[in-house]
Amino acid sequence: MLIRFKKTMEKIAMGLLSFTTEEKDIKKLQETIKIYSENQEDVLFLWKEHEDMIGAIGIHVDDDLKRLTIQHVSVNPSHRDNGIGQQMVQALCQRYDAYEVVGNQLTDDFLSKCK
């Protein structure tokens, strides 16, 4: 289930995002979390199964173009290869059903596998 990121989830979100290659540096992680905390168009969701947060997916929402750009996708390594990333993308597509969903340079390859 997708849950919208809240400030109280910061450590969990940083931990999940740290599993991506571009977010290994603590300062970079802090900057990324700050962007998701302060910008209305940038939204971070966490994926919860049972009682555990096991994934994160970050998006940029362009309401004018009705476009959703997936910026980050991260799944806890112990839960990979179970389709969690695809489930997160599908849940976003349902939530933003009137929007075109696209990837960026980091997520485009993954997104093409989900279609």
PDB file of N, CA and C in Angstrom:
ATOM      1  N   MET A   1       0.838  -1.166   0.000  1.00  0.00           N
ATOM      2  CA  MET A   1       0.000   0.000   0.000  1.00  0.00           C
ATOM      3  C   MET A   1       0.891   1.239   0.000  1.00  0.00           C
ATOM      4  N   LEU A   2       0.538   2.193  -0.854  1.00  0.00           N
ATOM      5  CA  LEU A   2       1.269   3.464  -0.913  1.00  0.00           C
ATOM      6  C   LEU A   2       0.853   4.372   0.235  1.00  0.00           C
ATOM      7  N   ILE A   3       1.849   4.938   0.891  1.00  0.00           N
ATOM      8  CA  ILE A   3       1.614   5.893   1.964  1.00  0.00           C
ATOM      9  C   ILE A   3       2.436   7.138   1.661  1.00  0.00           C
ATOM     10  N   ARG A   4       1.786   8.280   1.697  1.00  0.00           N
ATOM     11  CA  ARG A   4       2.487   9.527   1.411  1.00  0.00           C
ATOM     12  C   ARG A   4       3.477   9.830   2.532  1.00  0.00           C
ATOM     13  N   PHE A   5       4.690  10.216   2.134  1.00  0.00           N
ATOM     14  CA  PHE A   5       5.768  10.533   3.061  1.00  0.00           C
ATOM     15  C   PHE A   5       5.377  11.675   3.987  1.00  0.00           C
ATOM     16  N   LYS A   6       5.713  11.513   5.267  1.00  0.00           N
ATOM     17  CA  LYS A   6       5.561  12.557   6.268  1.00  0.00           C
ATOM     18  C   LYS A   6       6.908  12.747   6.942  1.00  0.00           C
ATOM     19  N   LYS A   7       7.113  13.903   7.515  1.00  0.00           N
ATOM     20  CA  LYS A   7       8.390  14.236   8.168  1.00  0.00           C
ATOM     21  C   LYS A   7       8.776  13.199   9.223  1.00  0.00           C
ATOM     22  N   THR A   8       7.803  12.608   9.894  1.00  0.00           N
ATOM     23  CA  THR A   8       8.090  11.599  10.917  1.00  0.00           C
ATOM     24  C   THR A   8       8.681  10.317  10.335  1.00  0.00           C
ATOM     25  N   MET A   9       8.593  10.155   9.026  1.00  0.00           N
ATOM     26  CA  MET A   9       9.114   8.967   8.340  1.00  0.00           C
ATOM     27  C   MET A   9      10.483   9.216   7.709  1.00  0.00           C
ATOM     28  N   GLU A  10      11.104  10.321   8.059  1.00  0.00           N
ATOM     29  CA  GLU A  10      12.330  10.745   7.378  1.00  0.00           C
ATOM     30  C   GLU A  10      13.432   9.693   7.416  1.00  0.00           C
ATOM     31  N   LYS A  11      13.698   9.103   8.568  1.00  0.00           N
ATOM     32  CA  LYS A  11      14.787   8.115   8.680  1.00  0.00           C
ATOM     33  C   LYS A  11      14.492   6.872   7.849  1.00  0.00           C
ATOM     34  N   ILE A  12      13.256   6.438   7.865  1.00  0.00           N
ATOM     35  CA  ILE A  12      12.867   5.271   7.066  1.00  0.00           C
ATOM     36  C   ILE A  12      13.038   5.583   5.583  1.00  0.00           C
ATOM     37  N   ALA A  13      12.559   6.755   5.175  1.00  0.00           N
ATOM     38  CA  ALA A  13      12.663   7.159   3.763  1.00  0.00           C
ATOM     39  C   ALA A  13      14.122   7.266   3.328  1.00  0.00           C
ATOM     40  N   MET A  14      14.950   7.859   4.161  1.00  0.00           N
ATOM     41  CA  MET A  14      16.374   7.986   3.826  1.00  0.00           C
ATOM     42  C   MET A  14      17.018   6.607   3.708  1.00  0.00           C
ATOM     43  N   GLY A  15      16.647   5.708   4.592  1.00  0.00           N
ATOM     44  CA  GLY A  15      17.180   4.349   4.526  1.00  0.00           C
ATOM     45  C   GLY A  15      16.799   3.654   3.228  1.00  0.00           C
ATOM     46  N   LEU A  16      15.540   3.789   2.838  1.00  0.00           N
ATOM     47  CA  LEU A  16      15.084   3.156   1.595  1.00  0.00           C
ATOM     48  C   LEU A  16      15.730   3.790   0.373  1.00  0.00           C
ATOM     49  N   LEU A  17      15.808   5.119   0.347  1.00  0.00           N
ATOM     50  CA  LEU A  17      16.427   5.789  -0.799  1.00  0.00           C
ATOM     51  C   LEU A  17      17.922   5.497  -0.885  1.00  0.00           C
ATOM     52  N   SER A  18      18.550   5.176   0.239  1.00  0.00           N
ATOM     53  CA  SER A  18      19.989   4.895   0.218  1.00  0.00           C
ATOM     54  C   SER A  18      20.312   3.613  -0.545  1.00  0.00           C
ATOM     55  N   PHE A  19      19.319   2.799  -0.825  1.00  0.00           N
ATOM     56  CA  PHE A  19      19.549   1.583  -1.608  1.00  0.00           C
ATOM     57  C   PHE A  19      19.741   1.863  -3.094  1.00  0.00           C
ATOM     58  N   THR A  20      19.458   3.099  -3.541  1.00  0.00           N
ATOM     59  CA  THR A  20      19.691   3.455  -4.935  1.00  0.00           C
ATOM     60  C   THR A  20      21.122   3.950  -5.085  1.00  0.00           C
ATOM     61  N   THR A  21      21.720   3.719  -6.227  1.00  0.00           N
ATOM     62  CA  THR A  21      23.128   4.065  -6.427  1.00  0.00           C
ATOM     63  C   THR A  21      23.389   5.557  -6.371  1.00  0.00           C
ATOM     64  N   GLU A  22      22.423   6.372  -6.785  1.00  0.00           N
ATOM     65  CA  GLU A  22      22.653   7.817  -6.825  1.00  0.00           C
ATOM     66  C   GLU A  22      22.415   8.494  -5.482  1.00  0.00           C
ATOM     67  N   GLU A  23      21.946   7.776  -4.488  1.00  0.00           N
ATOM     68  CA  GLU A  23      21.604   8.378  -3.195  1.00  0.00           C
ATOM     69  C   GLU A  23      22.440   7.806  -2.050  1.00  0.00           C
ATOM     70  N   LYS A  24      23.681   7.444  -2.300  1.00  0.00           N
ATOM     71  CA  LYS A  24      24.524   6.852  -1.254  1.00  0.00           C
ATOM     72  C   LYS A  24      25.060   7.883  -0.270  1.00  0.00           C
ATOM     73  N   ASP A  25      25.324   9.084  -0.714  1.00  0.00           N
ATOM     74  CA  ASP A  25      25.906  10.127   0.114  1.00  0.00           C
ATOM     75  C   ASP A  25      24.850  10.733   1.044  1.00  0.00           C
ATOM     76  N   ILE A  26      25.184  10.881   2.321  1.00  0.00           N
ATOM     77  CA  ILE A  26      24.223  11.381   3.305  1.00  0.00           C
ATOM     78  C   ILE A  26      23.748  12.793   2.972  1.00  0.00           C
ATOM     79  N   LYS A  27      24.640  13.641   2.483  1.00  0.00           N
ATOM     80  CA  LYS A  27      24.230  15.011   2.131  1.00  0.00           C
ATOM     81  C   LYS A  27      23.258  14.991   0.956  1.00  0.00           C
ATOM     82  N   LYS A  28      23.498  14.133  -0.015  1.00  0.00           N
ATOM     83  CA  LYS A  28      22.599  13.993  -1.159  1.00  0.00           C
ATOM     84  C   LYS A  28      21.233  13.490  -0.689  1.00  0.00           C
ATOM     85  N   LEU A  29      21.246  12.519   0.217  1.00  0.00           N
ATOM     86  CA  LEU A  29      19.985  12.005   0.769  1.00  0.00           C
ATOM     87  C   LEU A  29      19.205  13.101   1.484  1.00  0.00           C
ATOM     88  N   GLN A  30      19.891  13.898   2.285  1.00  0.00           N
ATOM     89  CA  GLN A  30      19.241  14.984   3.002  1.00  0.00           C
ATOM     90  C   GLN A  30      18.652  16.010   2.041  1.00  0.00           C
ATOM     91  N   GLU A  31      19.374  16.316   0.964  1.00  0.00           N
ATOM     92  CA  GLU A  31      18.859  17.247  -0.043  1.00  0.00           C
ATOM     93  C   GLU A  31      17.606  16.688  -0.715  1.00  0.00           C
ATOM     94  N   THR A  32      17.643  15.409  -1.038  1.00  0.00           N
ATOM     95  CA  THR A  32      16.497  14.764  -1.687  1.00  0.00           C
ATOM     96  C   THR A  32      15.275  14.789  -0.780  1.00  0.00           C
ATOM     97  N   ILE A  33      15.458  14.442   0.481  1.00  0.00           N
ATOM     98  CA  ILE A  33      14.348  14.461   1.437  1.00  0.00           C
ATOM     99  C   ILE A  33      13.814  15.885   1.600  1.00  0.00           C
ATOM    100  N   LYS A  34      14.696  16.866   1.620  1.00  0.00           N
ATOM    101  CA  LYS A  34      14.271  18.265   1.739  1.00  0.00           C
ATOM    102  C   LYS A  34      13.398  18.666   0.556  1.00  0.00           C
ATOM    103  N   ILE A  35      13.789  18.246  -0.645  1.00  0.00           N
ATOM    104  CA  ILE A  35      12.989  18.540  -1.843  1.00  0.00           C
ATOM    105  C   ILE A  35      11.592  17.943  -1.708  1.00  0.00           C
ATOM    106  N   TYR A  36      11.521  16.667  -1.296  1.00  0.00           N
ATOM    107  CA  TYR A  36      10.221  16.021  -1.152  1.00  0.00           C
ATOM    108  C   TYR A  36       9.405  16.622  -0.007  1.00  0.00           C
ATOM    109  N   SER A  37      10.068  17.197   0.978  1.00  0.00           N
ATOM    110  CA  SER A  37       9.368  17.805   2.115  1.00  0.00           C
ATOM    111  C   SER A  37       8.833  19.192   1.801  1.00  0.00           C
ATOM    112  N   GLU A  38       9.536  19.930   0.932  1.00  0.00           N
ATOM    113  CA  GLU A  38       9.215  21.340   0.740  1.00  0.00           C
ATOM    114  C   GLU A  38       8.495  21.669  -0.562  1.00  0.00           C
ATOM    115  N   ASN A  39       8.650  20.866  -1.582  1.00  0.00           N
ATOM    116  CA  ASN A  39       8.050  21.175  -2.885  1.00  0.00           C
ATOM    117  C   ASN A  39       6.751  20.405  -3.077  1.00  0.00           C
ATOM    118  N   GLN A  40       5.677  21.122  -3.351  1.00  0.00           N
ATOM    119  CA  GLN A  40       4.377  20.471  -3.535  1.00  0.00           C
ATOM    120  C   GLN A  40       4.337  19.567  -4.757  1.00  0.00           C
ATOM    121  N   GLU A  41       5.125  19.905  -5.784  1.00  0.00           N
ATOM    122  CA  GLU A  41       5.081  19.086  -6.998  1.00  0.00           C
ATOM    123  C   GLU A  41       5.912  17.819  -6.887  1.00  0.00           C
ATOM    124  N   ASP A  42       6.788  17.758  -5.896  1.00  0.00           N
ATOM    125  CA  ASP A  42       7.624  16.571  -5.689  1.00  0.00           C
ATOM    126  C   ASP A  42       7.064  15.800  -4.503  1.00  0.00           C
ATOM    127  N   VAL A  43       6.667  14.549  -4.767  1.00  0.00           N
ATOM    128  CA  VAL A  43       5.969  13.760  -3.762  1.00  0.00           C
ATOM    129  C   VAL A  43       6.674  12.419  -3.605  1.00  0.00           C
ATOM    130  N   LEU A  44       6.902  12.050  -2.353  1.00  0.00           N
ATOM    131  CA  LEU A  44       7.511  10.762  -2.043  1.00  0.00           C
ATOM    132  C   LEU A  44       6.470   9.881  -1.375  1.00  0.00           C
ATOM    133  N   PHE A  45       6.380   8.648  -1.847  1.00  0.00           N
ATOM    134  CA  PHE A  45       5.504   7.654  -1.241  1.00  0.00           C
ATOM    135  C   PHE A  45       6.356   6.507  -0.725  1.00  0.00           C
ATOM    136  N   LEU A  46       5.929   5.918   0.363  1.00  0.00           N
ATOM    137  CA  LEU A  46       6.552   4.703   0.882  1.00  0.00           C
ATOM    138  C   LEU A  46       5.579   3.554   0.657  1.00  0.00           C
ATOM    139  N   TRP A  47       6.132   2.369   0.479  1.00  0.00           N
ATOM    140  CA  TRP A  47       5.322   1.177   0.248  1.00  0.00           C
ATOM    141  C   TRP A  47       5.337   0.336   1.513  1.00  0.00           C
ATOM    142  N   LYS A  48       4.151   0.068   2.025  1.00  0.00           N
ATOM    143  CA  LYS A  48       4.018  -0.688   3.266  1.00  0.00           C
ATOM    144  C   LYS A  48       3.379  -2.035   2.987  1.00  0.00           C
ATOM    145  N   GLU A  49       4.024  -3.071   3.494  1.00  0.00           N
ATOM    146  CA  GLU A  49       3.447  -4.418   3.459  1.00  0.00           C
ATOM    147  C   GLU A  49       3.472  -4.951   4.869  1.00  0.00           C
ATOM    148  N   HIS A  50       2.333  -5.420   5.312  1.00  0.00           N
ATOM    149  CA  HIS A  50       2.154  -5.851   6.700  1.00  0.00           C
ATOM    150  C   HIS A  50       2.483  -4.651   7.587  1.00  0.00           C
ATOM    151  N   GLU A  51       3.494  -4.711   8.384  1.00  0.00           N
ATOM    152  CA  GLU A  51       3.847  -3.582   9.256  1.00  0.00           C
ATOM    153  C   GLU A  51       5.152  -2.911   8.837  1.00  0.00           C
ATOM    154  N   ASP A  52       5.738  -3.338   7.720  1.00  0.00           N
ATOM    155  CA  ASP A  52       7.054  -2.848   7.317  1.00  0.00           C
ATOM    156  C   ASP A  52       6.986  -1.938   6.102  1.00  0.00           C
ATOM    157  N   MET A  53       7.788  -0.883   6.130  1.00  0.00           N
ATOM    158  CA  MET A  53       7.995  -0.030   4.967  1.00  0.00           C
ATOM    159  C   MET A  53       9.136  -0.666   4.172  1.00  0.00           C
ATOM    160  N   ILE A  54       8.855  -1.098   2.946  1.00  0.00           N
ATOM    161  CA  ILE A  54       9.869  -1.845   2.200  1.00  0.00           C
ATOM    162  C   ILE A  54      10.244  -1.200   0.872  1.00  0.00           C
ATOM    163  N   GLY A  55       9.587  -0.114   0.513  1.00  0.00           N
ATOM    164  CA  GLY A  55       9.899   0.538  -0.755  1.00  0.00           C
ATOM    165  C   GLY A  55       9.604   2.019  -0.706  1.00  0.00           C
ATOM    166  N   ALA A  56      10.190   2.724  -1.671  1.00  0.00           N
ATOM    167  CA  ALA A  56       9.949   4.159  -1.809  1.00  0.00           C
ATOM    168  C   ALA A  56       9.875   4.498  -3.291  1.00  0.00           C
ATOM    169  N   ILE A  57       8.992   5.422  -3.621  1.00  0.00           N
ATOM    170  CA  ILE A  57       8.880   5.884  -5.003  1.00  0.00           C
ATOM    171  C   ILE A  57       8.608   7.392  -4.964  1.00  0.00           C
ATOM    172  N   GLY A  58       9.450   8.120  -5.652  1.00  0.00           N
ATOM    173  CA  GLY A  58       9.344   9.568  -5.670  1.00  0.00           C
ATOM    174  C   GLY A  58       8.927  10.060  -7.039  1.00  0.00           C
ATOM    175  N   ILE A  59       8.047  11.051  -7.058  1.00  0.00           N
ATOM    176  CA  ILE A  59       7.503  11.552  -8.314  1.00  0.00           C
ATOM    177  C   ILE A  59       7.549  13.075  -8.368  1.00  0.00           C
ATOM    178  N   HIS A  60       7.502  13.573  -9.581  1.00  0.00           N
ATOM    179  CA  HIS A  60       7.293  14.998  -9.827  1.00  0.00           C
ATOM    180  C   HIS A  60       5.973  15.102 -10.580  1.00  0.00           C
ATOM    181  N   VAL A  61       5.046  15.884 -10.039  1.00  0.00           N
ATOM    182  CA  VAL A  61       3.714  16.016 -10.624  1.00  0.00           C
ATOM    183  C   VAL A  61       3.625  17.348 -11.356  1.00  0.00           C
ATOM    184  N   ASP A  62       3.318  17.279 -12.641  1.00  0.00           N
ATOM    185  CA  ASP A  62       3.092  18.490 -13.447  1.00  0.00           C
ATOM    186  C   ASP A  62       1.611  18.520 -13.782  1.00  0.00           C
ATOM    187  N   ASP A  63       0.872  19.292 -13.002  1.00  0.00           N
ATOM    188  CA  ASP A  63      -0.584  19.352 -13.187  1.00  0.00           C
ATOM    189  C   ASP A  63      -0.972  19.998 -14.512  1.00  0.00           C
ATOM    190  N   ASP A  64      -0.181  20.961 -14.992  1.00  0.00           N
ATOM    191  CA  ASP A  64      -0.501  21.633 -16.251  1.00  0.00           C
ATOM    192  C   ASP A  64      -0.434  20.676 -17.433  1.00  0.00           C
ATOM    193  N   LEU A  65       0.600  19.838 -17.439  1.00  0.00           N
ATOM    194  CA  LEU A  65       0.773  18.875 -18.541  1.00  0.00           C
ATOM    195  C   LEU A  65       0.105  17.534 -18.269  1.00  0.00           C
ATOM    196  N   LYS A  66      -0.432  17.391 -17.049  1.00  0.00           N
ATOM    197  CA  LYS A  66      -0.999  16.096 -16.637  1.00  0.00           C
ATOM    198  C   LYS A  66       0.042  14.988 -16.820  1.00  0.00           C
ATOM    199  N   ARG A  67       1.250  15.277 -16.303  1.00  0.00           N
ATOM    200  CA  ARG A  67       2.363  14.335 -16.434  1.00  0.00           C
ATOM    201  C   ARG A  67       2.948  14.044 -15.053  1.00  0.00           C
ATOM    202  N   LEU A  68       3.248  12.786 -14.849  1.00  0.00           N
ATOM    203  CA  LEU A  68       3.845  12.305 -13.616  1.00  0.00           C
ATOM    204  C   LEU A  68       5.207  11.718 -13.982  1.00  0.00           C
ATOM    205  N   THR A  69       6.279  12.282 -13.455  1.00  0.00           N
ATOM    206  CA  THR A  69       7.617  11.771 -13.730  1.00  0.00           C
ATOM    207  C   THR A  69       8.118  11.016 -12.510  1.00  0.00           C
ATOM    208  N   ILE A  70       8.429   9.746 -12.709  1.00  0.00           N
ATOM    209  CA  ILE A  70       8.975   8.943 -11.615  1.00  0.00           C
ATOM    210  C   ILE A  70      10.458   9.258 -11.505  1.00  0.00           C
ATOM    211  N   GLN A  71      10.853   9.768 -10.332  1.00  0.00           N
ATOM    212  CA  GLN A  71      12.220  10.221 -10.104  1.00  0.00           C
ATOM    213  C   GLN A  71      13.072   9.209  -9.350  1.00  0.00           C
ATOM    214  N   HIS A  72      12.471   8.483  -8.432  1.00  0.00           N
ATOM    215  CA  HIS A  72      13.179   7.491  -7.628  1.00  0.00           C
ATOM    216  C   HIS A  72      12.306   6.249  -7.472  1.00  0.00           C
ATOM    217  N   VAL A  73      12.933   5.095  -7.526  1.00  0.00           N
ATOM    218  CA  VAL A  73      12.274   3.843  -7.180  1.00  0.00           C
ATOM    219  C   VAL A  73      13.294   3.038  -6.379  1.00  0.00           C
ATOM    220  N   SER A  74      12.903   2.624  -5.200  1.00  0.00           N
ATOM    221  CA  SER A  74      13.818   1.881  -4.344  1.00  0.00           C
ATOM    222  C   SER A  74      13.056   0.832  -3.550  1.00  0.00           C
ATOM    223  N   VAL A  75      13.622  -0.370  -3.487  1.00  0.00           N
ATOM    224  CA  VAL A  75      13.020  -1.455  -2.715  1.00  0.00           C
ATOM    225  C   VAL A  75      14.111  -2.051  -1.825  1.00  0.00           C
ATOM    226  N   ASN A  76      13.752  -2.328  -0.587  1.00  0.00           N
ATOM    227  CA  ASN A  76      14.676  -2.982   0.331  1.00  0.00           C
ATOM    228  C   ASN A  76      15.224  -4.238  -0.355  1.00  0.00           C
ATOM    229  N   PRO A  77      16.553  -4.429  -0.345  1.00  0.00           N
ATOM    230  CA  PRO A  77      17.146  -5.576  -1.056  1.00  0.00           C
ATOM    231  C   PRO A  77      16.569  -6.932  -0.663  1.00  0.00           C
ATOM    232  N   SER A  78      16.135  -7.101   0.566  1.00  0.00           N
ATOM    233  CA  SER A  78      15.578  -8.398   0.970  1.00  0.00           C
ATOM    234  C   SER A  78      14.185  -8.645   0.402  1.00  0.00           C
ATOM    235  N   HIS A  79      13.602  -7.629  -0.240  1.00  0.00           N
ATOM    236  CA  HIS A  79      12.270  -7.771  -0.837  1.00  0.00           C
ATOM    237  C   HIS A  79      12.298  -7.597  -2.359  1.00  0.00           C
ATOM    238  N   ARG A  80      13.476  -7.540  -2.933  1.00  0.00           N
ATOM    239  CA  ARG A  80      13.576  -7.352  -4.385  1.00  0.00           C
ATOM    240  C   ARG A  80      13.197  -8.620  -5.126  1.00  0.00           C
ATOM    241  N   ASP A  81      12.906  -8.444  -6.398  1.00  0.00           N
ATOM    242  CA  ASP A  81      12.506  -9.537  -7.290  1.00  0.00           C
ATOM    243  C   ASP A  81      11.174 -10.166  -6.894  1.00  0.00           C
ATOM    244  N   ASN A  82      10.358  -9.396  -6.186  1.00  0.00           N
ATOM    245  CA  ASN A  82       9.013  -9.845  -5.822  1.00  0.00           C
ATOM    246  C   ASN A  82       7.938  -8.968  -6.455  1.00  0.00           C
ATOM    247  N   GLY A  83       8.336  -8.080  -7.363  1.00  0.00           N
ATOM    248  CA  GLY A  83       7.373  -7.235  -8.053  1.00  0.00           C
ATOM    249  C   GLY A  83       6.927  -6.008  -7.270  1.00  0.00           C
ATOM    250  N   ILE A  84       7.637  -5.661  -6.205  1.00  0.00           N
ATOM    251  CA  ILE A  84       7.243  -4.512  -5.380  1.00  0.00           C
ATOM    252  C   ILE A  84       7.331  -3.218  -6.183  1.00  0.00           C
ATOM    253  N   GLY A  85       8.406  -3.032  -6.927  1.00  0.00           N
ATOM    254  CA  GLY A  85       8.562  -1.825  -7.742  1.00  0.00           C
ATOM    255  C   GLY A  85       7.420  -1.676  -8.733  1.00  0.00           C
ATOM    256  N   GLN A  86       7.059  -2.769  -9.378  1.00  0.00           N
ATOM    257  CA  GLN A  86       5.951  -2.739 -10.330  1.00  0.00           C
ATOM    258  C   GLN A  86       4.634  -2.425  -9.625  1.00  0.00           C
ATOM    259  N   GLN A  87       4.442  -2.968  -8.435  1.00  0.00           N
ATOM    260  CA  GLN A  87       3.222  -2.689  -7.678  1.00  0.00           C
ATOM    261  C   GLN A  87       3.136  -1.210  -7.308  1.00  0.00           C
ATOM    262  N   MET A  88       4.288  -0.616  -6.962  1.00  0.00           N
ATOM    263  CA  MET A  88       4.288   0.808  -6.630  1.00  0.00           C
ATOM    264  C   MET A  88       3.914   1.637  -7.853  1.00  0.00           C
ATOM    265  N   VAL A  89       4.465   1.292  -9.014  1.00  0.00           N
ATOM    266  CA  VAL A  89       4.147   2.017 -10.249  1.00  0.00           C
ATOM    267  C   VAL A  89       2.663   1.859 -10.579  1.00  0.00           C
ATOM    268  N   GLN A  90       2.136   0.647 -10.475  1.00  0.00           N
ATOM    269  CA  GLN A  90       0.715   0.413 -10.749  1.00  0.00           C
ATOM    270  C   GLN A  90      -0.179   1.209  -9.802  1.00  0.00           C
ATOM    271  N   ALA A  91       0.192   1.261  -8.533  1.00  0.00           N
ATOM    272  CA  ALA A  91      -0.603   2.021  -7.556  1.00  0.00           C
ATOM    273  C   ALA A  91      -0.584   3.512  -7.886  1.00  0.00           C
ATOM    274  N   LEU A  92       0.564   4.018  -8.338  1.00  0.00           N
ATOM    275  CA  LEU A  92       0.630   5.425  -8.750  1.00  0.00           C
ATOM    276  C   LEU A  92      -0.231   5.681  -9.976  1.00  0.00           C
ATOM    277  N   CYS A  93      -0.182   4.762 -10.918  1.00  0.00           N
ATOM    278  CA  CYS A  93      -0.996   4.920 -12.132  1.00  0.00           C
ATOM    279  C   CYS A  93      -2.480   4.952 -11.790  1.00  0.00           C
ATOM    280  N   GLN A  94      -2.891   4.177 -10.816  1.00  0.00           N
ATOM    281  CA  GLN A  94      -4.292   4.197 -10.388  1.00  0.00           C
ATOM    282  C   GLN A  94      -4.622   5.504  -9.676  1.00  0.00           C
ATOM    283  N   ARG A  95      -3.723   5.948  -8.828  1.00  0.00           N
ATOM    284  CA  ARG A  95      -3.958   7.178  -8.060  1.00  0.00           C
ATOM    285  C   ARG A  95      -4.002   8.401  -8.965  1.00  0.00           C
ATOM    286  N   TYR A  96      -3.137   8.408  -9.985  1.00  0.00           N
ATOM    287  CA  TYR A  96      -3.048   9.521 -10.931  1.00  0.00           C
ATOM    288  C   TYR A  96      -3.508   9.041 -12.307  1.00  0.00           C
ATOM    289  N   ASP A  97      -4.696   8.495 -12.383  1.00  0.00           N
ATOM    290  CA  ASP A  97      -5.146   7.842 -13.615  1.00  0.00           C
ATOM    291  C   ASP A  97      -5.308   8.776 -14.805  1.00  0.00           C
ATOM    292  N   ALA A  98      -5.437  10.068 -14.585  1.00  0.00           N
ATOM    293  CA  ALA A  98      -5.588  11.011 -15.698  1.00  0.00           C
ATOM    294  C   ALA A  98      -4.238  11.553 -16.180  1.00  0.00           C
ATOM    295  N   TYR A  99      -3.149  11.058 -15.601  1.00  0.00           N
ATOM    296  CA  TYR A  99      -1.813  11.569 -15.910  1.00  0.00           C
ATOM    297  C   TYR A  99      -1.012  10.588 -16.756  1.00  0.00           C
ATOM    298  N   GLU A 100      -0.184  11.147 -17.615  1.00  0.00           N
ATOM    299  CA  GLU A 100       0.795  10.341 -18.347  1.00  0.00           C
ATOM    300  C   GLU A 100       1.939  10.060 -17.376  1.00  0.00           C
ATOM    301  N   VAL A 101       2.370   8.815 -17.298  1.00  0.00           N
ATOM    302  CA  VAL A 101       3.460   8.439 -16.404  1.00  0.00           C
ATOM    303  C   VAL A 101       4.714   8.217 -17.234  1.00  0.00           C
ATOM    304  N   VAL A 102       5.769   8.961 -16.881  1.00  0.00           N
ATOM    305  CA  VAL A 102       7.044   8.853 -17.591  1.00  0.00           C
ATOM    306  C   VAL A 102       8.163   8.692 -16.570  1.00  0.00           C
ATOM    307  N   GLY A 103       9.309   8.248 -17.054  1.00  0.00           N
ATOM    308  CA  GLY A 103      10.477   8.131 -16.202  1.00  0.00           C
ATOM    309  C   GLY A 103      11.455   9.247 -16.491  1.00  0.00           C
ATOM    310  N   ASN A 104      12.485   9.327 -15.679  1.00  0.00           N
ATOM    311  CA  ASN A 104      13.581  10.240 -15.952  1.00  0.00           C
ATOM    312  C   ASN A 104      14.791   9.396 -16.340  1.00  0.00           C
ATOM    313  N   GLN A 105      15.949  10.010 -16.390  1.00  0.00           N
ATOM    314  CA  GLN A 105      17.163   9.296 -16.801  1.00  0.00           C
ATOM    315  C   GLN A 105      17.444   8.093 -15.897  1.00  0.00           C
ATOM    316  N   LEU A 106      17.118   8.203 -14.620  1.00  0.00           N
ATOM    317  CA  LEU A 106      17.400   7.133 -13.666  1.00  0.00           C
ATOM    318  C   LEU A 106      16.338   6.034 -13.657  1.00  0.00           C
ATOM    319  N   THR A 107      15.106   6.364 -14.008  1.00  0.00           N
ATOM    320  CA  THR A 107      14.004   5.412 -13.847  1.00  0.00           C
ATOM    321  C   THR A 107      13.378   4.930 -15.148  1.00  0.00           C
ATOM    322  N   ASP A 108      13.795   5.476 -16.262  1.00  0.00           N
ATOM    323  CA  ASP A 108      13.164   5.171 -17.548  1.00  0.00           C
ATOM    324  C   ASP A 108      13.261   3.681 -17.907  1.00  0.00           C
ATOM    325  N   ASP A 109      14.426   3.080 -17.713  1.00  0.00           N
ATOM    326  CA  ASP A 109      14.593   1.664 -18.035  1.00  0.00           C
ATOM    327  C   ASP A 109      13.668   0.793 -17.187  1.00  0.00           C
ATOM    328  N   PHE A 110      13.612   1.094 -15.894  1.00  0.00           N
ATOM    329  CA  PHE A 110      12.739   0.328 -15.008  1.00  0.00           C
ATOM    330  C   PHE A 110      11.276   0.484 -15.409  1.00  0.00           C
ATOM    331  N   LEU A 111      10.886   1.727 -15.695  1.00  0.00           N
ATOM    332  CA  LEU A 111       9.492   1.993 -16.045  1.00  0.00           C
ATOM    333  C   LEU A 111       9.093   1.256 -17.327  1.00  0.00           C
ATOM    334  N   SER A 112      10.010   1.188 -18.286  1.00  0.00           N
ATOM    335  CA  SER A 112       9.694   0.475 -19.537  1.00  0.00           C
ATOM    336  C   SER A 112       9.463  -1.019 -19.292  1.00  0.00           C
ATOM    337  N   LYS A 113      10.067  -1.567 -18.261  1.00  0.00           N
ATOM    338  CA  LYS A 113       9.849  -2.987 -17.909  1.00  0.00           C
ATOM    339  C   LYS A 113       8.492  -3.198 -17.245  1.00  0.00           C
ATOM    340  N   CYS A 114       7.943  -2.130 -16.671  1.00  0.00           N
ATOM    341  CA  CYS A 114       6.664  -2.240 -15.968  1.00  0.00           C
ATOM    342  C   CYS A 114       5.471  -2.196 -16.907  1.00  0.00           C
ATOM    343  N   LYS A 115       5.672  -1.721 -18.120  1.00  0.00           N
ATOM    344  CA  LYS A 115       4.544  -1.563 -19.051  1.00  0.00           C
ATOM    345  C   LYS A 115       4.261  -2.815 -19.823  1.00  0.00           C
TER     346      LYS A 115
END
